N, C-alpha and C. Protein backbone atom coordinates (compact mmCIF):
# COMPACT_ATOMS: atom_id res chain seq x y z
N UNK A 1 0.85 -1.19 0.00
CA UNK A 1 0.00 0.00 0.00
C UNK A 1 0.89 1.24 0.00
N UNK A 2 0.51 2.21 -0.74
CA UNK A 2 1.21 3.48 -0.82
C UNK A 2 1.18 4.15 0.57
N UNK A 3 2.31 4.55 1.12
CA UNK A 3 2.33 5.16 2.45
C UNK A 3 1.45 6.41 2.57
N UNK A 4 1.40 7.21 1.51
CA UNK A 4 0.53 8.40 1.56
C UNK A 4 -0.94 7.99 1.59
N UNK A 5 -1.23 6.84 1.01
CA UNK A 5 -2.60 6.33 1.01
C UNK A 5 -3.05 6.01 2.45
N UNK A 6 -2.10 5.58 3.29
CA UNK A 6 -2.41 5.27 4.68
C UNK A 6 -2.96 6.51 5.37
N UNK A 7 -2.32 7.64 5.17
CA UNK A 7 -2.74 8.90 5.79
C UNK A 7 -4.10 9.32 5.24
N UNK A 8 -4.28 9.22 3.93
CA UNK A 8 -5.56 9.61 3.34
C UNK A 8 -6.70 8.74 3.85
N UNK A 9 -6.46 7.43 3.95
CA UNK A 9 -7.49 6.53 4.49
C UNK A 9 -7.82 6.89 5.92
N UNK A 10 -6.80 7.18 6.72
CA UNK A 10 -7.03 7.54 8.13
C UNK A 10 -7.85 8.82 8.22
N UNK A 11 -7.50 9.81 7.39
CA UNK A 11 -8.25 11.08 7.41
C UNK A 11 -9.70 10.85 7.01
N UNK A 12 -9.94 10.03 5.99
CA UNK A 12 -11.30 9.74 5.54
C UNK A 12 -12.10 9.05 6.64
N UNK A 13 -11.47 8.06 7.27
CA UNK A 13 -12.17 7.32 8.35
C UNK A 13 -12.46 8.23 9.54
N UNK A 14 -11.53 9.11 9.86
CA UNK A 14 -11.74 10.04 10.98
C UNK A 14 -12.87 11.02 10.68
N UNK A 15 -12.90 11.54 9.45
CA UNK A 15 -13.98 12.45 9.07
C UNK A 15 -15.33 11.74 9.11
N UNK A 16 -15.36 10.48 8.69
CA UNK A 16 -16.60 9.71 8.73
C UNK A 16 -17.04 9.48 10.18
N UNK A 17 -16.09 9.22 11.07
CA UNK A 17 -16.43 9.00 12.48
C UNK A 17 -17.00 10.27 13.10
N UNK A 18 -16.42 11.43 12.78
CA UNK A 18 -16.93 12.70 13.30
C UNK A 18 -18.32 12.98 12.73
N UNK A 19 -18.52 12.71 11.45
CA UNK A 19 -19.84 12.92 10.83
C UNK A 19 -20.89 12.02 11.48
N UNK A 20 -20.53 10.77 11.76
CA UNK A 20 -21.45 9.84 12.41
C UNK A 20 -21.78 10.33 13.83
N UNK A 21 -20.79 10.86 14.53
CA UNK A 21 -20.99 11.42 15.86
C UNK A 21 -21.96 12.59 15.80
N UNK A 22 -21.77 13.47 14.81
CA UNK A 22 -22.66 14.62 14.67
C UNK A 22 -24.08 14.19 14.34
N UNK A 23 -24.24 13.12 13.55
CA UNK A 23 -25.58 12.59 13.27
C UNK A 23 -26.21 12.02 14.54
N UNK A 24 -25.41 11.34 15.35
CA UNK A 24 -25.93 10.80 16.60
C UNK A 24 -26.38 11.90 17.55
N UNK A 25 -25.73 13.05 17.50
CA UNK A 25 -26.11 14.16 18.37
C UNK A 25 -27.52 14.67 18.05
N UNK A 26 -27.94 14.54 16.81
CA UNK A 26 -29.27 15.01 16.42
C UNK A 26 -30.37 14.25 17.15
N UNK A 27 -30.08 13.02 17.57
CA UNK A 27 -31.09 12.22 18.24
C UNK A 27 -31.25 12.61 19.71
N UNK A 28 -30.30 13.33 20.26
CA UNK A 28 -30.42 13.75 21.65
C UNK A 28 -31.44 14.88 21.76
N UNK A 29 -32.25 14.79 22.78
CA UNK A 29 -33.33 15.74 22.96
C UNK A 29 -32.83 17.07 23.49
N UNK A 30 -33.40 18.12 22.98
CA UNK A 30 -33.18 19.46 23.53
C UNK A 30 -34.56 19.98 23.93
N UNK A 31 -34.66 21.23 24.28
CA UNK A 31 -35.94 21.78 24.71
C UNK A 31 -36.94 21.93 23.57
N UNK A 32 -36.47 21.94 22.34
CA UNK A 32 -37.36 22.13 21.19
C UNK A 32 -37.67 20.82 20.50
N UNK A 33 -38.84 20.78 19.89
CA UNK A 33 -39.24 19.60 19.12
C UNK A 33 -38.59 19.65 17.74
N UNK A 34 -37.91 18.57 17.37
CA UNK A 34 -37.33 18.47 16.04
C UNK A 34 -37.62 17.08 15.48
N UNK A 35 -37.75 17.00 14.18
CA UNK A 35 -38.05 15.72 13.54
C UNK A 35 -36.94 14.70 13.76
N UNK A 36 -35.72 15.18 13.92
CA UNK A 36 -34.59 14.26 14.09
C UNK A 36 -34.64 13.52 15.43
N UNK A 37 -35.47 13.96 16.35
CA UNK A 37 -35.61 13.27 17.64
C UNK A 37 -36.13 11.84 17.45
N UNK A 38 -36.86 11.62 16.36
CA UNK A 38 -37.49 10.33 16.12
C UNK A 38 -36.72 9.48 15.11
N UNK A 39 -35.48 9.85 14.78
CA UNK A 39 -34.73 9.15 13.74
C UNK A 39 -34.48 7.68 14.03
N UNK A 40 -34.27 7.31 15.28
CA UNK A 40 -33.95 5.92 15.59
C UNK A 40 -35.16 5.01 15.75
N UNK A 41 -36.36 5.55 15.61
CA UNK A 41 -37.58 4.78 15.86
C UNK A 41 -37.86 3.83 14.68
N UNK A 42 -38.12 2.57 15.01
CA UNK A 42 -38.43 1.56 14.01
C UNK A 42 -39.84 1.07 14.26
N UNK A 43 -40.64 0.97 13.19
CA UNK A 43 -42.06 0.61 13.29
C UNK A 43 -42.29 -0.76 12.66
N UNK A 44 -43.11 -1.56 13.31
CA UNK A 44 -43.52 -2.86 12.76
C UNK A 44 -44.69 -2.58 11.81
N UNK A 45 -44.42 -2.57 10.51
CA UNK A 45 -45.46 -2.26 9.52
C UNK A 45 -45.28 -3.17 8.31
N UNK A 46 -46.39 -3.62 7.78
CA UNK A 46 -46.40 -4.47 6.58
C UNK A 46 -45.56 -5.74 6.79
N UNK A 47 -45.55 -6.24 8.02
CA UNK A 47 -44.86 -7.49 8.31
C UNK A 47 -43.35 -7.38 8.45
N UNK A 48 -42.81 -6.17 8.52
CA UNK A 48 -41.37 -6.02 8.69
C UNK A 48 -41.08 -4.76 9.50
N UNK A 49 -39.83 -4.64 9.93
CA UNK A 49 -39.39 -3.46 10.68
C UNK A 49 -39.00 -2.37 9.69
N UNK A 50 -39.59 -1.18 9.85
CA UNK A 50 -39.30 -0.07 8.94
C UNK A 50 -38.97 1.18 9.73
N UNK A 51 -38.04 1.99 9.25
CA UNK A 51 -37.77 3.27 9.90
C UNK A 51 -39.02 4.15 9.85
N UNK A 52 -39.21 4.96 10.89
CA UNK A 52 -40.40 5.80 10.99
C UNK A 52 -40.56 6.73 9.79
N UNK A 53 -39.46 7.26 9.27
CA UNK A 53 -39.57 8.21 8.16
C UNK A 53 -40.02 7.55 6.85
N UNK A 54 -40.11 6.20 6.83
CA UNK A 54 -40.61 5.52 5.64
C UNK A 54 -42.10 5.20 5.72
N UNK A 55 -42.70 5.44 6.89
CA UNK A 55 -44.14 5.17 7.02
C UNK A 55 -44.94 6.43 7.34
N UNK A 56 -44.25 7.54 7.61
CA UNK A 56 -44.96 8.78 7.95
C UNK A 56 -44.06 9.99 7.69
N UNK A 57 -44.72 11.14 7.48
CA UNK A 57 -43.96 12.39 7.41
C UNK A 57 -43.95 12.99 8.81
N UNK A 58 -42.83 13.56 9.17
CA UNK A 58 -42.66 14.12 10.51
C UNK A 58 -42.46 15.62 10.38
N UNK A 59 -43.22 16.38 11.17
CA UNK A 59 -43.05 17.83 11.16
C UNK A 59 -43.14 18.36 12.59
N UNK A 60 -42.65 19.56 12.78
CA UNK A 60 -42.71 20.22 14.08
C UNK A 60 -43.41 21.56 13.91
N UNK A 61 -44.77 21.56 13.94
CA UNK A 61 -45.51 22.79 13.71
C UNK A 61 -45.33 23.83 14.83
N UNK A 62 -45.02 23.36 16.03
CA UNK A 62 -44.79 24.25 17.17
C UNK A 62 -43.50 23.82 17.86
N UNK A 63 -43.00 24.68 18.75
CA UNK A 63 -41.74 24.38 19.43
C UNK A 63 -41.86 23.18 20.37
N UNK A 64 -43.05 22.89 20.87
CA UNK A 64 -43.23 21.79 21.82
C UNK A 64 -44.15 20.70 21.29
N UNK A 65 -44.25 20.57 19.96
CA UNK A 65 -45.17 19.57 19.38
C UNK A 65 -44.58 18.97 18.11
N UNK A 66 -44.64 17.64 18.03
CA UNK A 66 -44.29 16.93 16.80
C UNK A 66 -45.57 16.39 16.21
N UNK A 67 -45.66 16.39 14.89
CA UNK A 67 -46.85 15.89 14.21
C UNK A 67 -46.43 14.90 13.14
N UNK A 68 -47.07 13.72 13.15
CA UNK A 68 -46.77 12.69 12.17
C UNK A 68 -48.01 12.43 11.33
N UNK A 69 -47.82 12.39 10.02
CA UNK A 69 -48.90 12.06 9.10
C UNK A 69 -48.54 10.75 8.42
N UNK A 70 -49.17 9.64 8.84
CA UNK A 70 -48.84 8.34 8.23
C UNK A 70 -49.26 8.30 6.76
N UNK A 71 -48.47 7.61 5.95
CA UNK A 71 -48.82 7.44 4.55
C UNK A 71 -50.03 6.52 4.43
N UNK A 72 -50.13 5.55 5.33
CA UNK A 72 -51.25 4.61 5.36
C UNK A 72 -51.91 4.72 6.74
N UNK A 73 -53.17 5.16 6.80
CA UNK A 73 -53.84 5.31 8.10
C UNK A 73 -53.90 4.02 8.91
N UNK A 74 -53.73 2.87 8.28
CA UNK A 74 -53.75 1.61 9.00
C UNK A 74 -52.54 1.39 9.88
N UNK A 75 -51.51 2.20 9.70
CA UNK A 75 -50.29 2.03 10.50
C UNK A 75 -50.24 2.95 11.72
N UNK A 76 -51.29 3.71 11.96
CA UNK A 76 -51.29 4.68 13.06
C UNK A 76 -50.99 4.02 14.41
N UNK A 77 -51.69 2.93 14.71
CA UNK A 77 -51.47 2.28 16.01
C UNK A 77 -50.05 1.74 16.14
N UNK A 78 -49.52 1.15 15.07
CA UNK A 78 -48.15 0.62 15.11
C UNK A 78 -47.14 1.74 15.35
N UNK A 79 -47.35 2.89 14.71
CA UNK A 79 -46.45 4.03 14.87
C UNK A 79 -46.53 4.56 16.30
N UNK A 80 -47.75 4.74 16.80
CA UNK A 80 -47.92 5.24 18.17
C UNK A 80 -47.29 4.30 19.19
N UNK A 81 -47.47 3.00 18.99
CA UNK A 81 -46.88 2.03 19.92
C UNK A 81 -45.36 2.04 19.86
N UNK A 82 -44.79 2.18 18.67
CA UNK A 82 -43.34 2.20 18.53
C UNK A 82 -42.75 3.41 19.27
N UNK A 83 -43.41 4.54 19.19
CA UNK A 83 -42.93 5.75 19.87
C UNK A 83 -43.12 5.61 21.38
N UNK A 84 -44.28 5.12 21.78
CA UNK A 84 -44.60 4.97 23.20
C UNK A 84 -43.66 3.97 23.88
N UNK A 85 -43.30 2.90 23.17
CA UNK A 85 -42.49 1.84 23.76
C UNK A 85 -40.98 2.08 23.66
N UNK A 86 -40.57 3.20 23.07
CA UNK A 86 -39.15 3.51 22.96
C UNK A 86 -38.69 4.18 24.26
N UNK A 87 -37.86 3.49 25.07
CA UNK A 87 -37.47 4.03 26.38
C UNK A 87 -36.60 5.28 26.30
N UNK A 88 -35.89 5.49 25.20
CA UNK A 88 -35.02 6.67 25.09
C UNK A 88 -35.81 7.95 24.89
N UNK A 89 -37.03 7.83 24.35
CA UNK A 89 -37.81 9.03 24.05
C UNK A 89 -38.63 9.51 25.25
N UNK A 90 -39.32 8.60 25.89
CA UNK A 90 -40.19 8.98 27.01
C UNK A 90 -41.32 9.89 26.56
N UNK A 91 -41.93 9.58 25.42
CA UNK A 91 -43.00 10.41 24.87
C UNK A 91 -44.30 9.62 24.81
N UNK A 92 -45.42 10.36 24.86
CA UNK A 92 -46.73 9.73 24.83
C UNK A 92 -47.55 10.32 23.68
N UNK A 93 -47.57 9.64 22.52
CA UNK A 93 -48.30 10.17 21.37
C UNK A 93 -49.81 9.99 21.50
N UNK A 94 -50.54 10.86 20.83
CA UNK A 94 -52.00 10.71 20.75
C UNK A 94 -52.39 10.87 19.28
N UNK A 95 -53.47 10.17 18.89
CA UNK A 95 -53.87 10.26 17.48
C UNK A 95 -55.37 10.54 17.38
N UNK A 96 -55.76 11.11 16.24
CA UNK A 96 -57.17 11.39 16.00
C UNK A 96 -57.69 10.57 14.81
N UNK A 97 -56.97 9.52 14.45
CA UNK A 97 -57.38 8.68 13.33
C UNK A 97 -56.67 9.04 12.03
N UNK A 98 -56.17 10.26 11.93
CA UNK A 98 -55.47 10.69 10.71
C UNK A 98 -54.04 11.13 11.00
N UNK A 99 -53.85 11.83 12.11
CA UNK A 99 -52.55 12.38 12.46
C UNK A 99 -52.17 11.97 13.88
N UNK A 100 -50.88 11.86 14.11
CA UNK A 100 -50.38 11.57 15.45
C UNK A 100 -49.69 12.83 15.96
N UNK A 101 -50.11 13.25 17.14
CA UNK A 101 -49.49 14.42 17.76
C UNK A 101 -48.71 13.96 18.98
N UNK A 102 -47.49 14.48 19.10
CA UNK A 102 -46.64 14.11 20.23
C UNK A 102 -46.22 15.40 20.95
N UNK A 103 -46.82 15.66 22.11
CA UNK A 103 -46.37 16.82 22.87
C UNK A 103 -44.97 16.55 23.44
N UNK A 104 -44.09 17.51 23.28
CA UNK A 104 -42.72 17.37 23.79
C UNK A 104 -42.65 18.19 25.08
N UNK A 105 -42.64 17.49 26.22
CA UNK A 105 -42.63 18.22 27.49
C UNK A 105 -41.30 18.96 27.67
N UNK A 106 -41.35 20.09 28.34
CA UNK A 106 -40.09 20.80 28.61
C UNK A 106 -39.21 19.95 29.52
N UNK A 107 -37.92 20.09 29.35
CA UNK A 107 -36.98 19.31 30.14
C UNK A 107 -36.75 19.96 31.50
N UNK A 108 -36.74 19.13 32.55
CA UNK A 108 -36.36 19.66 33.86
C UNK A 108 -34.85 19.54 34.01
N UNK A 109 -34.31 20.11 35.06
CA UNK A 109 -32.86 20.16 35.25
C UNK A 109 -32.25 18.76 35.33
N UNK A 110 -32.91 17.86 36.03
CA UNK A 110 -32.39 16.50 36.19
C UNK A 110 -32.32 15.79 34.84
N UNK A 111 -33.36 15.91 34.04
CA UNK A 111 -33.40 15.26 32.73
C UNK A 111 -32.32 15.86 31.81
N UNK A 112 -32.12 17.17 31.90
CA UNK A 112 -31.07 17.82 31.10
C UNK A 112 -29.70 17.23 31.44
N UNK A 113 -29.44 17.02 32.72
CA UNK A 113 -28.15 16.46 33.14
C UNK A 113 -27.99 15.01 32.64
N UNK A 114 -29.09 14.24 32.64
CA UNK A 114 -29.03 12.88 32.11
C UNK A 114 -28.68 12.89 30.62
N UNK A 115 -29.28 13.82 29.89
CA UNK A 115 -29.01 13.91 28.45
C UNK A 115 -27.56 14.33 28.21
N UNK A 116 -27.03 15.23 29.06
CA UNK A 116 -25.62 15.62 28.93
C UNK A 116 -24.72 14.42 29.19
N UNK A 117 -25.10 13.53 30.13
CA UNK A 117 -24.33 12.30 30.36
C UNK A 117 -24.36 11.41 29.12
N UNK A 118 -25.53 11.29 28.48
CA UNK A 118 -25.63 10.52 27.23
C UNK A 118 -24.71 11.13 26.17
N UNK A 119 -24.68 12.45 26.13
CA UNK A 119 -23.81 13.16 25.19
C UNK A 119 -22.35 12.78 25.44
N UNK A 120 -21.95 12.77 26.71
CA UNK A 120 -20.58 12.40 27.06
C UNK A 120 -20.25 10.98 26.62
N UNK A 121 -21.22 10.06 26.80
CA UNK A 121 -20.99 8.67 26.39
C UNK A 121 -20.82 8.57 24.88
N UNK A 122 -21.66 9.31 24.13
CA UNK A 122 -21.56 9.29 22.67
C UNK A 122 -20.22 9.88 22.22
N UNK A 123 -19.78 10.94 22.92
CA UNK A 123 -18.50 11.55 22.57
C UNK A 123 -17.37 10.56 22.84
N UNK A 124 -17.43 9.85 23.94
CA UNK A 124 -16.36 8.89 24.26
C UNK A 124 -16.34 7.76 23.23
N UNK A 125 -17.52 7.31 22.78
CA UNK A 125 -17.56 6.28 21.72
C UNK A 125 -16.86 6.78 20.46
N UNK A 126 -17.14 8.05 20.11
CA UNK A 126 -16.51 8.63 18.92
C UNK A 126 -15.00 8.71 19.10
N UNK A 127 -14.55 9.07 20.30
CA UNK A 127 -13.11 9.17 20.56
C UNK A 127 -12.44 7.79 20.47
N UNK A 128 -13.12 6.75 20.93
CA UNK A 128 -12.57 5.40 20.83
C UNK A 128 -12.39 5.02 19.36
N UNK A 129 -13.39 5.33 18.54
CA UNK A 129 -13.29 5.04 17.11
C UNK A 129 -12.10 5.81 16.51
N UNK A 130 -11.97 7.08 16.86
CA UNK A 130 -10.85 7.89 16.33
C UNK A 130 -9.50 7.32 16.77
N UNK A 131 -9.39 6.92 18.03
CA UNK A 131 -8.12 6.35 18.50
C UNK A 131 -7.81 5.04 17.78
N UNK A 132 -8.83 4.24 17.51
CA UNK A 132 -8.61 2.98 16.78
C UNK A 132 -8.10 3.24 15.37
N UNK A 133 -8.69 4.23 14.70
CA UNK A 133 -8.25 4.58 13.34
C UNK A 133 -6.80 5.05 13.38
N UNK A 134 -6.48 5.89 14.36
CA UNK A 134 -5.11 6.39 14.50
C UNK A 134 -4.15 5.23 14.75
N UNK A 135 -4.53 4.34 15.64
CA UNK A 135 -3.69 3.18 15.98
C UNK A 135 -3.43 2.32 14.74
N UNK A 136 -4.48 2.05 13.97
CA UNK A 136 -4.32 1.24 12.75
C UNK A 136 -3.39 1.91 11.75
N UNK A 137 -3.53 3.23 11.60
CA UNK A 137 -2.68 3.96 10.65
C UNK A 137 -1.22 3.93 11.11
N UNK A 138 -1.00 4.15 12.39
CA UNK A 138 0.38 4.13 12.90
C UNK A 138 0.98 2.74 12.77
N UNK A 139 0.18 1.69 12.98
CA UNK A 139 0.67 0.32 12.79
C UNK A 139 1.08 0.09 11.33
N UNK A 140 0.26 0.59 10.41
CA UNK A 140 0.56 0.40 8.98
C UNK A 140 1.84 1.14 8.61
N UNK A 141 2.03 2.33 9.20
CA UNK A 141 3.26 3.09 8.92
C UNK A 141 4.48 2.35 9.47
N UNK A 142 4.37 1.86 10.70
CA UNK A 142 5.52 1.16 11.29
C UNK A 142 5.82 -0.14 10.54
N UNK A 143 4.78 -0.80 10.02
CA UNK A 143 4.99 -2.02 9.23
C UNK A 143 5.72 -1.67 7.93
N UNK A 144 5.30 -0.57 7.29
CA UNK A 144 5.95 -0.14 6.05
C UNK A 144 7.41 0.22 6.32
N UNK A 145 7.67 0.85 7.47
CA UNK A 145 9.05 1.20 7.83
C UNK A 145 9.87 -0.07 8.09
N UNK A 146 9.27 -1.03 8.77
CA UNK A 146 9.97 -2.29 9.08
C UNK A 146 10.26 -3.08 7.81
N UNK A 147 9.33 -3.01 6.84
CA UNK A 147 9.52 -3.72 5.57
C UNK A 147 10.40 -2.94 4.61
N UNK A 148 10.94 -1.83 5.07
CA UNK A 148 11.84 -0.97 4.29
C UNK A 148 11.17 -0.36 3.05
N UNK A 149 9.81 -0.18 3.11
CA UNK A 149 9.11 0.50 2.02
C UNK A 149 9.30 2.01 2.13
N UNK A 150 9.47 2.49 3.36
CA UNK A 150 9.71 3.92 3.58
C UNK A 150 10.86 4.08 4.56
N UNK A 151 11.45 5.26 4.54
CA UNK A 151 12.57 5.53 5.44
C UNK A 151 12.08 6.10 6.76
N UNK A 152 13.05 6.32 7.66
CA UNK A 152 12.76 6.84 9.00
C UNK A 152 12.11 8.23 8.93
N UNK A 153 12.64 9.11 8.07
CA UNK A 153 12.12 10.47 7.96
C UNK A 153 10.69 10.47 7.42
N UNK A 154 10.45 9.64 6.40
CA UNK A 154 9.10 9.55 5.85
C UNK A 154 8.12 9.02 6.90
N UNK A 155 8.56 8.07 7.68
CA UNK A 155 7.69 7.50 8.72
C UNK A 155 7.32 8.57 9.74
N UNK A 156 8.29 9.37 10.16
CA UNK A 156 8.01 10.44 11.13
C UNK A 156 7.05 11.46 10.53
N UNK A 157 7.27 11.81 9.25
CA UNK A 157 6.39 12.79 8.59
C UNK A 157 4.96 12.25 8.51
N UNK A 158 4.81 10.98 8.13
CA UNK A 158 3.48 10.38 8.02
C UNK A 158 2.80 10.27 9.39
N UNK A 159 3.58 9.91 10.41
CA UNK A 159 3.01 9.83 11.76
C UNK A 159 2.51 11.19 12.21
N UNK A 160 3.27 12.25 11.87
CA UNK A 160 2.84 13.59 12.24
C UNK A 160 1.55 13.96 11.50
N UNK A 161 1.44 13.57 10.23
CA UNK A 161 0.22 13.85 9.48
C UNK A 161 -0.99 13.12 10.10
N UNK A 162 -0.78 11.89 10.52
CA UNK A 162 -1.86 11.13 11.18
C UNK A 162 -2.25 11.81 12.49
N UNK A 163 -1.25 12.22 13.28
CA UNK A 163 -1.53 12.90 14.55
C UNK A 163 -2.25 14.23 14.33
N UNK A 164 -1.85 14.97 13.26
CA UNK A 164 -2.55 16.22 12.94
C UNK A 164 -4.00 15.96 12.56
N UNK A 165 -4.24 14.90 11.77
CA UNK A 165 -5.62 14.55 11.40
C UNK A 165 -6.42 14.16 12.63
N UNK A 166 -5.78 13.45 13.55
CA UNK A 166 -6.43 13.05 14.80
C UNK A 166 -6.80 14.28 15.62
N UNK A 167 -5.88 15.23 15.73
CA UNK A 167 -6.14 16.45 16.50
C UNK A 167 -7.30 17.24 15.90
N UNK A 168 -7.33 17.32 14.58
CA UNK A 168 -8.42 18.05 13.92
C UNK A 168 -9.77 17.34 14.17
N UNK A 169 -9.79 16.03 14.02
CA UNK A 169 -11.02 15.27 14.22
C UNK A 169 -11.49 15.39 15.68
N UNK A 170 -10.55 15.31 16.63
CA UNK A 170 -10.89 15.44 18.04
C UNK A 170 -11.49 16.82 18.31
N UNK A 171 -10.87 17.86 17.75
CA UNK A 171 -11.37 19.21 18.00
C UNK A 171 -12.75 19.41 17.36
N UNK A 172 -12.98 18.84 16.18
CA UNK A 172 -14.30 18.92 15.54
C UNK A 172 -15.37 18.26 16.42
N UNK A 173 -15.05 17.09 16.96
CA UNK A 173 -16.00 16.38 17.82
C UNK A 173 -16.26 17.16 19.10
N UNK A 174 -15.21 17.74 19.68
CA UNK A 174 -15.38 18.51 20.91
C UNK A 174 -16.21 19.76 20.68
N UNK A 175 -16.00 20.43 19.55
CA UNK A 175 -16.79 21.63 19.24
C UNK A 175 -18.26 21.25 19.08
N UNK A 176 -18.55 20.17 18.36
CA UNK A 176 -19.93 19.72 18.18
C UNK A 176 -20.55 19.36 19.53
N UNK A 177 -19.78 18.70 20.37
CA UNK A 177 -20.27 18.29 21.69
C UNK A 177 -20.58 19.50 22.56
N UNK A 178 -19.69 20.46 22.60
CA UNK A 178 -19.91 21.67 23.41
C UNK A 178 -21.15 22.43 22.93
N UNK A 179 -21.30 22.54 21.61
CA UNK A 179 -22.46 23.24 21.07
C UNK A 179 -23.75 22.54 21.47
N UNK A 180 -23.76 21.21 21.40
CA UNK A 180 -24.95 20.44 21.76
C UNK A 180 -25.22 20.56 23.26
N UNK A 181 -24.17 20.54 24.07
CA UNK A 181 -24.35 20.66 25.52
C UNK A 181 -24.96 22.01 25.87
N UNK A 182 -24.48 23.06 25.20
CA UNK A 182 -25.03 24.40 25.43
C UNK A 182 -26.51 24.43 25.04
N UNK A 183 -26.82 23.81 23.92
CA UNK A 183 -28.21 23.75 23.44
C UNK A 183 -29.10 23.00 24.43
N UNK A 184 -28.59 21.91 25.00
CA UNK A 184 -29.36 21.10 25.94
C UNK A 184 -29.60 21.85 27.24
N UNK A 185 -28.57 22.52 27.75
CA UNK A 185 -28.67 23.16 29.05
C UNK A 185 -29.38 24.52 29.00
N UNK A 186 -29.64 25.05 27.81
CA UNK A 186 -30.35 26.32 27.69
C UNK A 186 -31.83 26.10 27.96
N UNK A 187 -32.37 26.86 28.90
CA UNK A 187 -33.78 26.69 29.26
C UNK A 187 -34.65 27.52 28.35
């Protein structure tokens, strides 16, 4: 493998890990209702498990209300049950036969702190992934150096590039985490 390719692969994997972390942050609840709060919900419909966004449109007409319009009115009960039975959401939907409305209660201080703990856990998961990518890249560089594919100076230069990519990815994740924490703790 081309030694420069090792660095490029590591950078790509690190950027993907940060992007995945940022997507995971969208699922954490804040004080406002957003459609992304329901992204992880899976509904038993048509004899199989389907993501919620494939069986209904999700909108947030008000700051404290989510509204779902099922494509097929026959799936209303399945959708409501999937949301009600999801322990991470803690929401109680109601329906009128055509639309499902989900009031989003305001967060109390204790719940906000729990969500910040979840945020910390998600950030640590992202950091573990980043460290693994860095470790794999450094192993590949040291193997190339041992096999005499690259010299000592090239190995040091490539290791520095990997470390720089790691620092950038870590800072991107920390910035996203701090922004989300501020959003969660704002009343």
